[in-house]
Amino acid sequence: MADRTNDIELRLLLEAIFQKYHYDFRGYSMASIKRRLSHAREVFECETFSQLQDRVLHDPSVLPALLSYLTVQVSELFRDPAYFRAIREKVVPHLKTFPSLKVWVAGCARGEELYSLAILFREEGLEGRTMFYGTDISHEALKRAEAGVFELDRIPLFTENHRKSGGKTSLSDYYTAAYGNAVFDKSLRQKTVFSDHSLVSDAVFAEVQLVSCRNVLIYFDRELQDRAVGLFKDSLSRHGFLGLGAKESLRFARDADAFAEFAPQERLYQKRGDR
């Protein structure tokens, strides 16, 4: 009985967040949301989700902190190096045939994925013709991404990932160390637009040649996954590429037949040219 009451309160909390602030988490995986908000409830010293709902509705300052629990905001530069090596070795030769490029990093969090691709594109000679879009629903995460500042103790892992991804330079060429942080070169985001965009409720905003959306769909239910994949399909130009996370797949997606498996092991797909 207590579990059922908790579930009712949790759904009412998500509905309240949507109605008041227009952030829609109602289609997210309930198991994941429940785990995250249970942790938030402890931090905010609320005994129930109803108490947390009361805080959110009557104290707008609570929402930004709560979003940090509802969204995944930490990644790594060149996380899963084989993914970036596949982009470098298999996707880039195709991208070089386009006169200009647009790349969308959906759910960019604090920017690790975006900076990884910016560095890769610079190393492969594509930076000059490429516009990057980094989107997320968290304003706080977007501010962190735009700053391009990462803790210095994370750099050894980033450096090793970069090397394994087939990096052609030293990662240290792209940042300056200061006061315990690594500040990445502003030129890496010179042609980047950071913007608030929700895969739950927003529409297509540009035609792009590459979408990288990794480890986001695993937090969505099936209906929301289908919506997101539909957005990617409508955003991609003919023969454009979609990259997903290691535990994600298009296998059961509604628009799966719009894509061909390009590098299945690395979860890279290519939009079919006849659609």
C-alpha atoms as a PDB file:
ATOM      1  CA  MET A   1       0.000   0.000   0.000  1.00  0.00           C
ATOM      2  CA  ALA A   2       2.844   2.380   0.872  1.00  0.00           C
ATOM      3  CA  ASP A   3       4.528   1.665  -2.476  1.00  0.00           C
ATOM      4  CA  ARG A   4       1.314   2.458  -4.353  1.00  0.00           C
ATOM      5  CA  THR A   5       0.945   5.728  -2.445  1.00  0.00           C
ATOM      6  CA  ASN A   6       4.564   6.604  -3.272  1.00  0.00           C
ATOM      7  CA  ASP A   7       3.928   5.952  -6.964  1.00  0.00           C
ATOM      8  CA  ILE A   8       0.813   8.152  -6.938  1.00  0.00           C
ATOM      9  CA  GLU A   9       2.717  10.965  -5.218  1.00  0.00           C
ATOM     10  CA  LEU A  10       5.607  10.597  -7.667  1.00  0.00           C
ATOM     11  CA  ARG A  11       3.322  10.927 -10.702  1.00  0.00           C
ATOM     12  CA  LEU A  12       1.619  13.944  -9.129  1.00  0.00           C
ATOM     13  CA  LEU A  13       5.046  15.530  -8.551  1.00  0.00           C
ATOM     14  CA  LEU A  14       5.997  15.035 -12.212  1.00  0.00           C
ATOM     15  CA  GLU A  15       2.628  16.455 -13.271  1.00  0.00           C
ATOM     16  CA  ALA A  16       3.169  19.480 -11.015  1.00  0.00           C
ATOM     17  CA  ILE A  17       6.623  20.129 -12.514  1.00  0.00           C
ATOM     18  CA  PHE A  18       5.095  19.969 -16.003  1.00  0.00           C
ATOM     19  CA  GLN A  19       2.113  22.189 -15.225  1.00  0.00           C
ATOM     20  CA  LYS A  20       4.134  24.862 -13.404  1.00  0.00           C
ATOM     21  CA  TYR A  21       7.470  24.877 -15.238  1.00  0.00           C
ATOM     22  CA  HIS A  22       6.770  23.010 -18.519  1.00  0.00           C
ATOM     23  CA  TYR A  23       9.520  20.434 -17.963  1.00  0.00           C
ATOM     24  CA  ASP A  24       7.963  17.119 -18.931  1.00  0.00           C
ATOM     25  CA  PHE A  25       9.412  14.021 -17.244  1.00  0.00           C
ATOM     26  CA  ARG A  26       6.162  12.060 -17.369  1.00  0.00           C
ATOM     27  CA  GLY A  27       7.399   9.820 -20.169  1.00  0.00           C
ATOM     28  CA  TYR A  28      10.695   8.949 -18.504  1.00  0.00           C
ATOM     29  CA  SER A  29      11.386   5.488 -17.138  1.00  0.00           C
ATOM     30  CA  MET A  30       9.610   5.366 -13.769  1.00  0.00           C
ATOM     31  CA  ALA A  31      12.234   3.138 -12.156  1.00  0.00           C
ATOM     32  CA  SER A  32      14.994   5.615 -13.002  1.00  0.00           C
ATOM     33  CA  ILE A  33      12.956   8.694 -12.019  1.00  0.00           C
ATOM     34  CA  LYS A  34      11.893   7.133  -8.732  1.00  0.00           C
ATOM     35  CA  ARG A  35      15.497   6.319  -7.823  1.00  0.00           C
ATOM     36  CA  ARG A  36      16.694   9.823  -8.669  1.00  0.00           C
ATOM     37  CA  LEU A  37      13.889  11.675  -6.912  1.00  0.00           C
ATOM     38  CA  SER A  38      14.179   9.461  -3.832  1.00  0.00           C
ATOM     39  CA  HIS A  39      17.762  10.693  -3.542  1.00  0.00           C
ATOM     40  CA  ALA A  40      16.611  14.283  -4.078  1.00  0.00           C
ATOM     41  CA  ARG A  41      13.934  13.856  -1.433  1.00  0.00           C
ATOM     42  CA  GLU A  42      16.600  12.932   1.112  1.00  0.00           C
ATOM     43  CA  VAL A  43      18.776  15.894   0.162  1.00  0.00           C
ATOM     44  CA  PHE A  44      15.836  18.297   0.473  1.00  0.00           C
ATOM     45  CA  GLU A  45      14.869  16.632   3.779  1.00  0.00           C
ATOM     46  CA  CYS A  46      11.368  15.733   2.600  1.00  0.00           C
ATOM     47  CA  GLU A  47       9.737  12.613   3.987  1.00  0.00           C
ATOM     48  CA  THR A  48       7.386  12.196   1.019  1.00  0.00           C
ATOM     49  CA  PHE A  49       7.177  13.115  -2.651  1.00  0.00           C
ATOM     50  CA  SER A  50       4.173  15.274  -1.722  1.00  0.00           C
ATOM     51  CA  GLN A  51       6.388  17.369   0.524  1.00  0.00           C
ATOM     52  CA  LEU A  52       8.904  17.710  -2.290  1.00  0.00           C
ATOM     53  CA  GLN A  53       6.055  18.727  -4.607  1.00  0.00           C
ATOM     54  CA  ASP A  54       5.050  21.446  -2.165  1.00  0.00           C
ATOM     55  CA  ARG A  55       8.626  22.776  -2.123  1.00  0.00           C
ATOM     56  CA  VAL A  56       8.851  22.783  -5.925  1.00  0.00           C
ATOM     57  CA  LEU A  57       5.505  24.536  -6.395  1.00  0.00           C
ATOM     58  CA  HIS A  58       6.084  27.276  -3.841  1.00  0.00           C
ATOM     59  CA  ASP A  59       9.841  27.859  -4.059  1.00  0.00           C
ATOM     60  CA  PRO A  60      11.061  28.323  -7.669  1.00  0.00           C
ATOM     61  CA  SER A  61      14.684  28.222  -6.493  1.00  0.00           C
ATOM     62  CA  VAL A  62      14.261  24.479  -5.806  1.00  0.00           C
ATOM     63  CA  LEU A  63      13.733  23.569  -9.476  1.00  0.00           C
ATOM     64  CA  PRO A  64      17.282  24.159 -10.816  1.00  0.00           C
ATOM     65  CA  ALA A  65      18.725  21.955  -8.090  1.00  0.00           C
ATOM     66  CA  LEU A  66      16.063  19.316  -8.700  1.00  0.00           C
ATOM     67  CA  LEU A  67      16.865  19.225 -12.427  1.00  0.00           C
ATOM     68  CA  SER A  68      20.375  18.090 -11.589  1.00  0.00           C
ATOM     69  CA  TYR A  69      18.813  14.900 -10.165  1.00  0.00           C
ATOM     70  CA  LEU A  70      16.376  14.429 -13.026  1.00  0.00           C
ATOM     71  CA  THR A  71      18.959  14.714 -15.815  1.00  0.00           C
ATOM     72  CA  VAL A  72      22.312  13.034 -16.395  1.00  0.00           C
ATOM     73  CA  GLN A  73      24.940  15.789 -16.378  1.00  0.00           C
ATOM     74  CA  VAL A  74      28.291  14.020 -16.126  1.00  0.00           C
ATOM     75  CA  SER A  75      30.063  12.236 -18.946  1.00  0.00           C
ATOM     76  CA  GLU A  76      33.658  12.003 -20.194  1.00  0.00           C
ATOM     77  CA  LEU A  77      35.564  13.425 -23.099  1.00  0.00           C
ATOM     78  CA  PHE A  78      35.738  10.699 -25.762  1.00  0.00           C
ATOM     79  CA  ARG A  79      33.655   8.360 -23.614  1.00  0.00           C
ATOM     80  CA  ASP A  80      33.636   4.907 -25.241  1.00  0.00           C
ATOM     81  CA  PRO A  81      36.643   5.666 -27.476  1.00  0.00           C
ATOM     82  CA  ALA A  82      35.610   3.039 -30.053  1.00  0.00           C
ATOM     83  CA  TYR A  83      32.562   5.184 -30.851  1.00  0.00           C
ATOM     84  CA  PHE A  84      34.738   8.180 -31.694  1.00  0.00           C
ATOM     85  CA  ARG A  85      37.240   6.035 -33.567  1.00  0.00           C
ATOM     86  CA  ALA A  86      34.371   4.740 -35.718  1.00  0.00           C
ATOM     87  CA  ILE A  87      33.241   8.304 -36.417  1.00  0.00           C
ATOM     88  CA  ARG A  88      36.815   9.257 -37.275  1.00  0.00           C
ATOM     89  CA  GLU A  89      37.521   6.280 -39.538  1.00  0.00           C
ATOM     90  CA  LYS A  90      34.095   5.432 -40.996  1.00  0.00           C
ATOM     91  CA  VAL A  91      31.792   8.448 -40.769  1.00  0.00           C
ATOM     92  CA  VAL A  92      34.211  11.320 -41.452  1.00  0.00           C
ATOM     93  CA  PRO A  93      35.042  10.137 -45.014  1.00  0.00           C
ATOM     94  CA  HIS A  94      31.321  10.476 -45.838  1.00  0.00           C
ATOM     95  CA  LEU A  95      30.996  13.834 -44.060  1.00  0.00           C
ATOM     96  CA  LYS A  96      33.879  15.200 -46.112  1.00  0.00           C
ATOM     97  CA  THR A  97      31.644  14.968 -49.195  1.00  0.00           C
ATOM     98  CA  PHE A  98      29.266  17.614 -47.776  1.00  0.00           C
ATOM     99  CA  PRO A  99      30.145  21.269 -48.554  1.00  0.00           C
ATOM    100  CA  SER A 100      28.927  22.352 -45.113  1.00  0.00           C
ATOM    101  CA  LEU A 101      28.001  20.430 -41.978  1.00  0.00           C
ATOM    102  CA  LYS A 102      25.728  20.744 -38.990  1.00  0.00           C
ATOM    103  CA  VAL A 103      26.180  18.495 -35.949  1.00  0.00           C
ATOM    104  CA  TRP A 104      23.595  18.160 -33.185  1.00  0.00           C
ATOM    105  CA  VAL A 105      24.650  16.880 -29.769  1.00  0.00           C
ATOM    106  CA  ALA A 106      21.294  16.204 -28.096  1.00  0.00           C
ATOM    107  CA  GLY A 107      21.411  16.048 -24.301  1.00  0.00           C
ATOM    108  CA  CYS A 108      24.873  17.615 -24.271  1.00  0.00           C
ATOM    109  CA  ALA A 109      24.949  17.938 -20.446  1.00  0.00           C
ATOM    110  CA  ARG A 110      28.153  19.738 -19.429  1.00  0.00           C
ATOM    111  CA  GLY A 111      29.643  19.530 -22.893  1.00  0.00           C
ATOM    112  CA  GLU A 112      32.013  16.564 -22.799  1.00  0.00           C
ATOM    113  CA  GLU A 113      30.556  15.005 -25.935  1.00  0.00           C
ATOM    114  CA  LEU A 114      30.450  18.282 -27.796  1.00  0.00           C
ATOM    115  CA  TYR A 115      34.080  19.154 -27.065  1.00  0.00           C
ATOM    116  CA  SER A 116      35.082  15.627 -28.065  1.00  0.00           C
ATOM    117  CA  LEU A 117      33.475  16.058 -31.477  1.00  0.00           C
ATOM    118  CA  ALA A 118      34.847  19.597 -31.895  1.00  0.00           C
ATOM    119  CA  ILE A 119      38.377  18.307 -31.268  1.00  0.00           C
ATOM    120  CA  LEU A 120      37.852  15.336 -33.576  1.00  0.00           C
ATOM    121  CA  PHE A 121      36.499  17.559 -36.364  1.00  0.00           C
ATOM    122  CA  ARG A 122      39.454  19.922 -35.967  1.00  0.00           C
ATOM    123  CA  GLU A 123      41.894  17.031 -36.225  1.00  0.00           C
ATOM    124  CA  GLU A 124      40.111  15.737 -39.332  1.00  0.00           C
ATOM    125  CA  GLY A 125      39.997  19.130 -41.079  1.00  0.00           C
ATOM    126  CA  LEU A 126      36.216  19.548 -40.842  1.00  0.00           C
ATOM    127  CA  GLU A 127      35.993  22.259 -38.189  1.00  0.00           C
ATOM    128  CA  GLY A 128      35.937  25.173 -40.630  1.00  0.00           C
ATOM    129  CA  ARG A 129      32.789  23.985 -42.414  1.00  0.00           C
ATOM    130  CA  THR A 130      30.895  22.729 -39.359  1.00  0.00           C
ATOM    131  CA  MET A 131      28.288  24.327 -37.091  1.00  0.00           C
ATOM    132  CA  PHE A 132      27.629  22.536 -33.786  1.00  0.00           C
ATOM    133  CA  TYR A 133      24.422  22.602 -31.772  1.00  0.00           C
ATOM    134  CA  GLY A 134      24.596  21.533 -28.121  1.00  0.00           C
ATOM    135  CA  THR A 135      21.170  21.180 -26.539  1.00  0.00           C
ATOM    136  CA  ASP A 136      19.893  20.195 -23.119  1.00  0.00           C
ATOM    137  CA  ILE A 137      16.908  20.918 -20.885  1.00  0.00           C
ATOM    138  CA  SER A 138      19.095  22.068 -17.975  1.00  0.00           C
ATOM    139  CA  HIS A 139      20.125  25.726 -18.083  1.00  0.00           C
ATOM    140  CA  GLU A 140      22.756  25.036 -15.439  1.00  0.00           C
ATOM    141  CA  ALA A 141      24.313  22.262 -17.536  1.00  0.00           C
ATOM    142  CA  LEU A 142      24.324  24.504 -20.621  1.00  0.00           C
ATOM    143  CA  LYS A 143      26.140  27.242 -18.688  1.00  0.00           C
ATOM    144  CA  ARG A 144      28.766  24.699 -17.627  1.00  0.00           C
ATOM    145  CA  ALA A 145      29.091  23.447 -21.194  1.00  0.00           C
ATOM    146  CA  GLU A 146      29.554  26.948 -22.571  1.00  0.00           C
ATOM    147  CA  ALA A 147      32.265  27.675 -19.991  1.00  0.00           C
ATOM    148  CA  GLY A 148      34.294  24.626 -21.073  1.00  0.00           C
ATOM    149  CA  VAL A 149      35.839  24.117 -17.636  1.00  0.00           C
ATOM    150  CA  PHE A 150      36.502  20.611 -16.271  1.00  0.00           C
ATOM    151  CA  GLU A 151      38.200  19.373 -13.115  1.00  0.00           C
ATOM    152  CA  LEU A 152      41.900  18.776 -13.653  1.00  0.00           C
ATOM    153  CA  ASP A 153      41.803  15.358 -11.985  1.00  0.00           C
ATOM    154  CA  ARG A 154      39.548  14.138 -14.819  1.00  0.00           C
ATOM    155  CA  ILE A 155      42.095  15.009 -17.501  1.00  0.00           C
ATOM    156  CA  PRO A 156      44.176  11.773 -17.355  1.00  0.00           C
ATOM    157  CA  LEU A 157      41.061   9.736 -18.225  1.00  0.00           C
ATOM    158  CA  PHE A 158      40.103  12.223 -20.958  1.00  0.00           C
ATOM    159  CA  THR A 159      43.641  12.027 -22.353  1.00  0.00           C
ATOM    160  CA  GLU A 160      43.628   8.227 -22.469  1.00  0.00           C
ATOM    161  CA  ASN A 161      40.190   8.197 -24.104  1.00  0.00           C
ATOM    162  CA  HIS A 162      41.396  10.674 -26.719  1.00  0.00           C
ATOM    163  CA  ARG A 163      44.427   8.516 -27.494  1.00  0.00           C
ATOM    164  CA  LYS A 164      42.295   5.371 -27.848  1.00  0.00           C
ATOM    165  CA  SER A 165      39.886   7.219 -30.140  1.00  0.00           C
ATOM    166  CA  GLY A 166      42.697   7.742 -32.653  1.00  0.00           C
ATOM    167  CA  GLY A 167      43.573  11.277 -31.597  1.00  0.00           C
ATOM    168  CA  LYS A 168      46.152  12.868 -33.875  1.00  0.00           C
ATOM    169  CA  THR A 169      47.453  15.463 -31.424  1.00  0.00           C
ATOM    170  CA  SER A 170      47.936  15.813 -27.689  1.00  0.00           C
ATOM    171  CA  LEU A 171      44.800  16.652 -25.727  1.00  0.00           C
ATOM    172  CA  SER A 172      46.888  19.198 -23.822  1.00  0.00           C
ATOM    173  CA  ASP A 173      46.926  21.301 -27.009  1.00  0.00           C
ATOM    174  CA  TYR A 174      43.280  22.147 -26.378  1.00  0.00           C
ATOM    175  CA  TYR A 175      43.198  23.346 -22.769  1.00  0.00           C
ATOM    176  CA  THR A 176      45.018  25.471 -20.204  1.00  0.00           C
ATOM    177  CA  ALA A 177      45.430  24.287 -16.621  1.00  0.00           C
ATOM    178  CA  ALA A 178      44.643  26.810 -13.876  1.00  0.00           C
ATOM    179  CA  TYR A 179      43.558  26.583 -10.234  1.00  0.00           C
ATOM    180  CA  GLY A 180      42.743  22.885 -10.323  1.00  0.00           C
ATOM    181  CA  ASN A 181      40.731  23.104 -13.535  1.00  0.00           C
ATOM    182  CA  ALA A 182      41.287  22.586 -17.236  1.00  0.00           C
ATOM    183  CA  VAL A 183      39.867  25.433 -19.312  1.00  0.00           C
ATOM    184  CA  PHE A 184      39.263  24.371 -22.901  1.00  0.00           C
ATOM    185  CA  ASP A 185      40.148  26.710 -25.745  1.00  0.00           C
ATOM    186  CA  LYS A 186      37.320  29.118 -26.637  1.00  0.00           C
ATOM    187  CA  SER A 187      38.002  28.520 -30.319  1.00  0.00           C
ATOM    188  CA  LEU A 188      36.560  25.004 -29.933  1.00  0.00           C
ATOM    189  CA  ARG A 189      33.107  26.506 -29.358  1.00  0.00           C
ATOM    190  CA  GLN A 190      33.467  29.440 -31.736  1.00  0.00           C
ATOM    191  CA  LYS A 191      30.926  27.860 -34.096  1.00  0.00           C
ATOM    192  CA  THR A 192      28.710  26.298 -31.435  1.00  0.00           C
ATOM    193  CA  VAL A 193      25.179  27.253 -30.439  1.00  0.00           C
ATOM    194  CA  PHE A 194      24.154  26.114 -26.947  1.00  0.00           C
ATOM    195  CA  SER A 195      20.395  26.042 -26.549  1.00  0.00           C
ATOM    196  CA  ASP A 196      17.555  24.775 -24.386  1.00  0.00           C
ATOM    197  CA  HIS A 197      15.764  21.996 -26.286  1.00  0.00           C
ATOM    198  CA  SER A 198      13.555  19.178 -25.043  1.00  0.00           C
ATOM    199  CA  LEU A 199      13.249  15.876 -26.884  1.00  0.00           C
ATOM    200  CA  VAL A 200       9.937  15.478 -25.062  1.00  0.00           C
ATOM    201  CA  SER A 201       8.132  18.563 -26.349  1.00  0.00           C
ATOM    202  CA  ASP A 202      10.197  20.598 -28.840  1.00  0.00           C
ATOM    203  CA  ALA A 203      10.323  20.315 -32.618  1.00  0.00           C
ATOM    204  CA  VAL A 204      13.036  19.988 -35.266  1.00  0.00           C
ATOM    205  CA  PHE A 205      15.119  23.180 -35.481  1.00  0.00           C
ATOM    206  CA  ALA A 206      17.675  22.464 -38.251  1.00  0.00           C
ATOM    207  CA  GLU A 207      18.729  20.000 -40.906  1.00  0.00           C
ATOM    208  CA  VAL A 208      21.895  18.259 -39.711  1.00  0.00           C
ATOM    209  CA  GLN A 209      24.314  15.647 -41.019  1.00  0.00           C
ATOM    210  CA  LEU A 210      25.179  14.049 -37.675  1.00  0.00           C
ATOM    211  CA  VAL A 211      23.153  13.587 -34.497  1.00  0.00           C
ATOM    212  CA  SER A 212      24.918  12.266 -31.419  1.00  0.00           C
ATOM    213  CA  CYS A 213      22.517  11.425 -28.603  1.00  0.00           C
ATOM    214  CA  ARG A 214      24.114   8.936 -26.274  1.00  0.00           C
ATOM    215  CA  ASN A 215      22.800   7.509 -23.014  1.00  0.00           C
ATOM    216  CA  VAL A 216      19.636   9.595 -23.092  1.00  0.00           C
ATOM    217  CA  LEU A 217      17.060   7.249 -24.619  1.00  0.00           C
ATOM    218  CA  ILE A 218      17.655   4.651 -21.899  1.00  0.00           C
ATOM    219  CA  TYR A 219      15.862   7.003 -19.484  1.00  0.00           C
ATOM    220  CA  PHE A 220      12.752   7.286 -21.708  1.00  0.00           C
ATOM    221  CA  ASP A 221       9.764   4.974 -21.986  1.00  0.00           C
ATOM    222  CA  ARG A 222       8.970   3.421 -25.383  1.00  0.00           C
ATOM    223  CA  GLU A 223       6.595   6.170 -26.540  1.00  0.00           C
ATOM    224  CA  LEU A 224       9.095   8.910 -25.735  1.00  0.00           C
ATOM    225  CA  GLN A 225      11.934   6.955 -27.359  1.00  0.00           C
ATOM    226  CA  ASP A 226       9.868   6.790 -30.542  1.00  0.00           C
ATOM    227  CA  ARG A 227       9.261  10.532 -30.422  1.00  0.00           C
ATOM    228  CA  ALA A 228      12.971  11.281 -30.021  1.00  0.00           C
ATOM    229  CA  VAL A 229      14.006   8.928 -32.842  1.00  0.00           C
ATOM    230  CA  GLY A 230      11.351  10.570 -35.029  1.00  0.00           C
ATOM    231  CA  LEU A 231      12.926  13.955 -34.310  1.00  0.00           C
ATOM    232  CA  PHE A 232      16.348  12.628 -35.257  1.00  0.00           C
ATOM    233  CA  LYS A 233      14.973  11.138 -38.467  1.00  0.00           C
ATOM    234  CA  ASP A 234      13.295  14.423 -39.439  1.00  0.00           C
ATOM    235  CA  SER A 235      16.420  16.427 -38.548  1.00  0.00           C
ATOM    236  CA  LEU A 236      18.892  14.356 -40.538  1.00  0.00           C
ATOM    237  CA  SER A 237      19.639  15.018 -44.186  1.00  0.00           C
ATOM    238  CA  ARG A 238      19.643  12.095 -46.601  1.00  0.00           C
ATOM    239  CA  HIS A 239      22.491   9.731 -45.717  1.00  0.00           C
ATOM    240  CA  GLY A 240      23.061  11.578 -42.434  1.00  0.00           C
ATOM    241  CA  PHE A 241      24.291   9.728 -39.351  1.00  0.00           C
ATOM    242  CA  LEU A 242      22.860   8.986 -35.910  1.00  0.00           C
ATOM    243  CA  GLY A 243      24.963   7.869 -32.950  1.00  0.00           C
ATOM    244  CA  LEU A 244      23.450   6.283 -29.823  1.00  0.00           C
ATOM    245  CA  GLY A 245      24.828   4.979 -26.534  1.00  0.00           C
ATOM    246  CA  ALA A 246      26.319   1.531 -26.039  1.00  0.00           C
ATOM    247  CA  LYS A 247      23.116   0.198 -24.405  1.00  0.00           C
ATOM    248  CA  GLU A 248      20.735   1.824 -26.877  1.00  0.00           C
ATOM    249  CA  SER A 249      19.354   0.539 -30.161  1.00  0.00           C
ATOM    250  CA  LEU A 250      16.878   1.363 -32.922  1.00  0.00           C
ATOM    251  CA  ARG A 251      15.799  -2.268 -33.137  1.00  0.00           C
ATOM    252  CA  PHE A 252      12.287  -1.731 -31.787  1.00  0.00           C
ATOM    253  CA  ALA A 253      11.867   1.933 -32.699  1.00  0.00           C
ATOM    254  CA  ARG A 254       8.848   2.980 -34.761  1.00  0.00           C
ATOM    255  CA  ASP A 255      11.116   4.602 -37.387  1.00  0.00           C
ATOM    256  CA  ALA A 256      13.776   1.881 -37.389  1.00  0.00           C
ATOM    257  CA  ASP A 257      13.283   1.190 -41.091  1.00  0.00           C
ATOM    258  CA  ALA A 258      14.306   4.773 -41.904  1.00  0.00           C
ATOM    259  CA  PHE A 259      17.860   3.853 -40.869  1.00  0.00           C
ATOM    260  CA  ALA A 260      20.479   1.336 -41.909  1.00  0.00           C
ATOM    261  CA  GLU A 261      23.011  -0.073 -39.466  1.00  0.00           C
ATOM    262  CA  PHE A 262      26.313   1.572 -40.370  1.00  0.00           C
ATOM    263  CA  ALA A 263      28.659   0.523 -37.560  1.00  0.00           C
ATOM    264  CA  PRO A 264      26.426  -1.713 -35.402  1.00  0.00           C
ATOM    265  CA  GLN A 265      28.990  -2.416 -32.685  1.00  0.00           C
ATOM    266  CA  GLU A 266      29.400   1.313 -32.034  1.00  0.00           C
ATOM    267  CA  ARG A 267      25.655   2.059 -32.414  1.00  0.00           C
ATOM    268  CA  LEU A 268      26.080   4.231 -35.494  1.00  0.00           C
ATOM    269  CA  TYR A 269      23.223   4.372 -38.006  1.00  0.00           C
ATOM    270  CA  GLN A 270      22.795   6.039 -41.391  1.00  0.00           C
ATOM    271  CA  LYS A 271      19.542   7.523 -42.604  1.00  0.00           C
ATOM    272  CA  ARG A 272      18.396   5.806 -45.764  1.00  0.00           C
ATOM    273  CA  GLY A 273      18.478   7.956 -48.879  1.00  0.00           C
ATOM    274  CA  ASP A 274      15.056   6.963 -50.159  1.00  0.00           C
ATOM    275  CA  ARG A 275      13.137   8.369 -47.184  1.00  0.00           C
END
